Amino acid sequence: MCNQNSEKTASDAQLVQRIETLEIAISHHEQMHVEMEKTLADQYTKIQMLEKKLGLLKDYIQSLNEQVIKRPEEEIPPPHY
């Protein structure tokens, strides 16, 4: 009878240890999840900012093309003609 109680106690201790190990692992995973969500939100904000800047740059380049490059018939002849 005593042998069964000591085996049960050892088994209980092992189960407690396994549960504690699992709780620690879950805690670490939860922390990683929180950090990943923050990183994802930061990256989303940066991507939106970059897309906006890219749009502005595209508009700026198009406006430069419209100002600088004209069709030959639209060009004003040089003064010596």
N, C-alpha and C. Protein backbone atom coordinates (compact mmCIF):
# COMPACT_ATOMS: atom_id res chain seq x y z
N MET A 1 0.82 -1.19 0.00
CA MET A 1 0.00 0.00 0.00
C MET A 1 0.86 1.25 0.00
N CYS A 2 1.90 1.22 0.77
CA CYS A 2 2.80 2.36 0.86
C CYS A 2 3.48 2.60 -0.47
N ASN A 3 3.80 1.52 -1.20
CA ASN A 3 4.45 1.63 -2.48
C ASN A 3 3.55 2.35 -3.49
N GLN A 4 2.28 2.06 -3.45
CA GLN A 4 1.34 2.71 -4.36
C GLN A 4 1.24 4.21 -4.07
N ASN A 5 1.23 4.57 -2.80
CA ASN A 5 1.16 5.99 -2.43
C ASN A 5 2.40 6.74 -2.88
N SER A 6 3.56 6.13 -2.75
CA SER A 6 4.78 6.82 -3.17
C SER A 6 4.83 6.93 -4.69
N GLU A 7 4.33 5.91 -5.40
CA GLU A 7 4.27 5.99 -6.87
C GLU A 7 3.29 7.08 -7.29
N LYS A 8 2.17 7.16 -6.59
CA LYS A 8 1.17 8.16 -6.92
C LYS A 8 1.72 9.56 -6.67
N THR A 9 2.46 9.72 -5.58
CA THR A 9 3.06 11.02 -5.26
C THR A 9 4.08 11.40 -6.32
N ALA A 10 4.89 10.45 -6.76
CA ALA A 10 5.89 10.72 -7.80
C ALA A 10 5.19 11.06 -9.11
N SER A 11 4.15 10.34 -9.41
CA SER A 11 3.39 10.58 -10.64
C SER A 11 2.73 11.97 -10.58
N ASP A 12 2.19 12.31 -9.42
CA ASP A 12 1.58 13.63 -9.26
C ASP A 12 2.62 14.74 -9.43
N ALA A 13 3.79 14.52 -8.88
CA ALA A 13 4.85 15.51 -8.98
C ALA A 13 5.28 15.69 -10.44
N GLN A 14 5.35 14.57 -11.16
CA GLN A 14 5.69 14.65 -12.58
C GLN A 14 4.63 15.41 -13.37
N LEU A 15 3.38 15.14 -13.05
CA LEU A 15 2.28 15.84 -13.73
C LEU A 15 2.32 17.34 -13.44
N VAL A 16 2.57 17.68 -12.19
CA VAL A 16 2.67 19.09 -11.81
C VAL A 16 3.81 19.75 -12.58
N GLN A 17 4.96 19.06 -12.66
CA GLN A 17 6.11 19.60 -13.39
C GLN A 17 5.77 19.78 -14.87
N ARG A 18 5.11 18.81 -15.46
CA ARG A 18 4.73 18.91 -16.88
C ARG A 18 3.75 20.07 -17.10
N ILE A 19 2.80 20.22 -16.19
CA ILE A 19 1.83 21.32 -16.30
C ILE A 19 2.54 22.66 -16.19
N GLU A 20 3.47 22.78 -15.26
CA GLU A 20 4.23 24.04 -15.10
C GLU A 20 5.04 24.33 -16.37
N THR A 21 5.65 23.29 -16.94
CA THR A 21 6.42 23.47 -18.17
C THR A 21 5.52 23.96 -19.30
N LEU A 22 4.35 23.36 -19.41
CA LEU A 22 3.39 23.77 -20.44
C LEU A 22 2.90 25.21 -20.22
N GLU A 23 2.65 25.56 -18.96
CA GLU A 23 2.21 26.93 -18.65
C GLU A 23 3.29 27.94 -19.02
N ILE A 24 4.54 27.60 -18.77
CA ILE A 24 5.65 28.51 -19.13
C ILE A 24 5.72 28.64 -20.65
N ALA A 25 5.60 27.52 -21.36
CA ALA A 25 5.65 27.56 -22.82
C ALA A 25 4.49 28.40 -23.38
N ILE A 26 3.31 28.24 -22.83
CA ILE A 26 2.14 29.01 -23.27
C ILE A 26 2.37 30.50 -23.00
N SER A 27 2.92 30.80 -21.86
CA SER A 27 3.20 32.20 -21.51
C SER A 27 4.17 32.82 -22.52
N HIS A 28 5.22 32.08 -22.88
CA HIS A 28 6.17 32.58 -23.87
C HIS A 28 5.50 32.77 -25.24
N HIS A 29 4.65 31.83 -25.62
CA HIS A 29 3.94 31.95 -26.90
C HIS A 29 3.00 33.15 -26.90
N GLU A 30 2.33 33.38 -25.79
CA GLU A 30 1.44 34.54 -25.70
C GLU A 30 2.23 35.84 -25.84
N GLN A 31 3.40 35.91 -25.20
CA GLN A 31 4.24 37.10 -25.30
C GLN A 31 4.73 37.29 -26.74
N MET A 32 5.14 36.20 -27.38
CA MET A 32 5.57 36.30 -28.78
C MET A 32 4.42 36.77 -29.67
N HIS A 33 3.23 36.28 -29.40
CA HIS A 33 2.05 36.67 -30.17
C HIS A 33 1.79 38.16 -30.04
N VAL A 34 1.88 38.69 -28.83
CA VAL A 34 1.68 40.12 -28.60
C VAL A 34 2.73 40.93 -29.36
N GLU A 35 3.99 40.49 -29.29
CA GLU A 35 5.07 41.19 -29.98
C GLU A 35 4.89 41.13 -31.49
N MET A 36 4.45 39.99 -32.00
CA MET A 36 4.23 39.87 -33.44
C MET A 36 3.08 40.75 -33.90
N GLU A 37 2.02 40.84 -33.11
CA GLU A 37 0.90 41.72 -33.46
C GLU A 37 1.35 43.18 -33.52
N LYS A 38 2.19 43.59 -32.57
CA LYS A 38 2.71 44.96 -32.57
C LYS A 38 3.58 45.20 -33.80
N THR A 39 4.45 44.25 -34.10
CA THR A 39 5.31 44.37 -35.28
C THR A 39 4.47 44.46 -36.54
N LEU A 40 3.45 43.63 -36.63
CA LEU A 40 2.58 43.64 -37.80
C LEU A 40 1.86 44.98 -37.94
N ALA A 41 1.37 45.52 -36.84
CA ALA A 41 0.70 46.82 -36.88
C ALA A 41 1.67 47.92 -37.30
N ASP A 42 2.90 47.88 -36.77
CA ASP A 42 3.91 48.87 -37.15
C ASP A 42 4.24 48.77 -38.64
N GLN A 43 4.40 47.55 -39.13
CA GLN A 43 4.72 47.37 -40.54
C GLN A 43 3.57 47.83 -41.43
N TYR A 44 2.34 47.58 -41.02
CA TYR A 44 1.19 48.02 -41.79
C TYR A 44 1.18 49.55 -41.90
N THR A 45 1.46 50.21 -40.78
CA THR A 45 1.51 51.67 -40.78
C THR A 45 2.62 52.17 -41.71
N LYS A 46 3.78 51.54 -41.65
CA LYS A 46 4.90 51.94 -42.52
C LYS A 46 4.56 51.70 -43.99
N ILE A 47 3.93 50.59 -44.29
CA ILE A 47 3.55 50.29 -45.67
C ILE A 47 2.58 51.34 -46.19
N GLN A 48 1.61 51.71 -45.38
CA GLN A 48 0.65 52.73 -45.82
C GLN A 48 1.35 54.06 -46.07
N MET A 49 2.29 54.43 -45.20
CA MET A 49 3.04 55.67 -45.37
C MET A 49 3.85 55.61 -46.65
N LEU A 50 4.52 54.48 -46.90
CA LEU A 50 5.33 54.33 -48.11
C LEU A 50 4.46 54.36 -49.37
N GLU A 51 3.29 53.74 -49.31
CA GLU A 51 2.38 53.79 -50.47
C GLU A 51 1.95 55.22 -50.76
N LYS A 52 1.68 55.99 -49.71
CA LYS A 52 1.30 57.38 -49.89
C LYS A 52 2.45 58.17 -50.51
N LYS A 53 3.67 57.97 -49.99
CA LYS A 53 4.84 58.65 -50.53
C LYS A 53 5.09 58.25 -51.97
N LEU A 54 4.90 56.98 -52.28
CA LEU A 54 5.09 56.50 -53.65
C LEU A 54 4.09 57.17 -54.59
N GLY A 55 2.86 57.31 -54.15
CA GLY A 55 1.84 57.99 -54.96
C GLY A 55 2.22 59.45 -55.21
N LEU A 56 2.70 60.11 -54.15
CA LEU A 56 3.12 61.50 -54.31
C LEU A 56 4.31 61.61 -55.26
N LEU A 57 5.24 60.70 -55.15
CA LEU A 57 6.41 60.70 -56.03
C LEU A 57 6.00 60.45 -57.48
N LYS A 58 5.08 59.53 -57.68
CA LYS A 58 4.56 59.24 -59.02
C LYS A 58 3.91 60.48 -59.61
N ASP A 59 3.09 61.16 -58.82
CA ASP A 59 2.44 62.39 -59.29
C ASP A 59 3.48 63.46 -59.62
N TYR A 60 4.51 63.58 -58.79
CA TYR A 60 5.56 64.56 -59.02
C TYR A 60 6.31 64.27 -60.32
N ILE A 61 6.67 63.01 -60.53
CA ILE A 61 7.38 62.64 -61.76
C ILE A 61 6.51 62.87 -62.98
N GLN A 62 5.24 62.56 -62.90
CA GLN A 62 4.34 62.82 -64.02
C GLN A 62 4.24 64.31 -64.30
N SER A 63 4.21 65.12 -63.26
CA SER A 63 4.13 66.57 -63.48
C SER A 63 5.42 67.08 -64.12
N LEU A 64 6.56 66.50 -63.77
CA LEU A 64 7.82 66.88 -64.41
C LEU A 64 7.82 66.49 -65.88
N ASN A 65 7.33 65.32 -66.17
CA ASN A 65 7.26 64.88 -67.57
C ASN A 65 6.37 65.81 -68.39
N GLU A 66 5.28 66.24 -67.80
CA GLU A 66 4.36 67.12 -68.51
C GLU A 66 4.99 68.48 -68.75
N GLN A 67 5.84 68.92 -67.84
CA GLN A 67 6.48 70.22 -67.97
C GLN A 67 7.67 70.18 -68.93
N VAL A 68 8.42 69.11 -68.93
CA VAL A 68 9.69 69.07 -69.66
C VAL A 68 9.53 68.47 -71.05
N ILE A 69 8.86 67.36 -71.16
CA ILE A 69 8.79 66.66 -72.43
C ILE A 69 7.51 67.06 -73.16
N LYS A 70 7.71 67.65 -74.34
CA LYS A 70 6.57 68.04 -75.17
C LYS A 70 6.69 67.34 -76.51
N ARG A 71 5.58 67.20 -77.16
CA ARG A 71 5.62 66.65 -78.51
C ARG A 71 6.31 67.67 -79.41
N PRO A 72 6.95 67.22 -80.48
CA PRO A 72 7.69 68.16 -81.35
C PRO A 72 6.85 69.33 -81.85
N GLU A 73 5.62 69.09 -82.17
CA GLU A 73 4.77 70.18 -82.67
C GLU A 73 4.41 71.19 -81.58
N GLU A 74 4.55 70.78 -80.32
CA GLU A 74 4.27 71.69 -79.22
C GLU A 74 5.48 72.52 -78.83
N GLU A 75 6.66 72.11 -79.28
CA GLU A 75 7.89 72.82 -78.92
C GLU A 75 7.92 74.20 -79.58
N ILE A 76 8.38 75.14 -78.82
CA ILE A 76 8.58 76.50 -79.36
C ILE A 76 9.93 76.49 -80.09
N PRO A 77 9.96 76.97 -81.32
CA PRO A 77 11.23 76.95 -82.02
C PRO A 77 12.24 77.86 -81.36
N PRO A 78 13.51 77.50 -81.44
CA PRO A 78 14.53 78.35 -80.85
C PRO A 78 14.54 79.74 -81.50
N PRO A 79 15.08 80.74 -80.84
CA PRO A 79 15.02 82.10 -81.36
C PRO A 79 15.75 82.31 -82.69
N HIS A 80 16.70 81.50 -83.06
CA HIS A 80 17.43 81.70 -84.29
C HIS A 80 16.71 81.19 -85.53
N TYR A 81 15.50 80.68 -85.44
CA TYR A 81 14.74 80.24 -86.60
C TYR A 81 13.85 81.32 -87.09
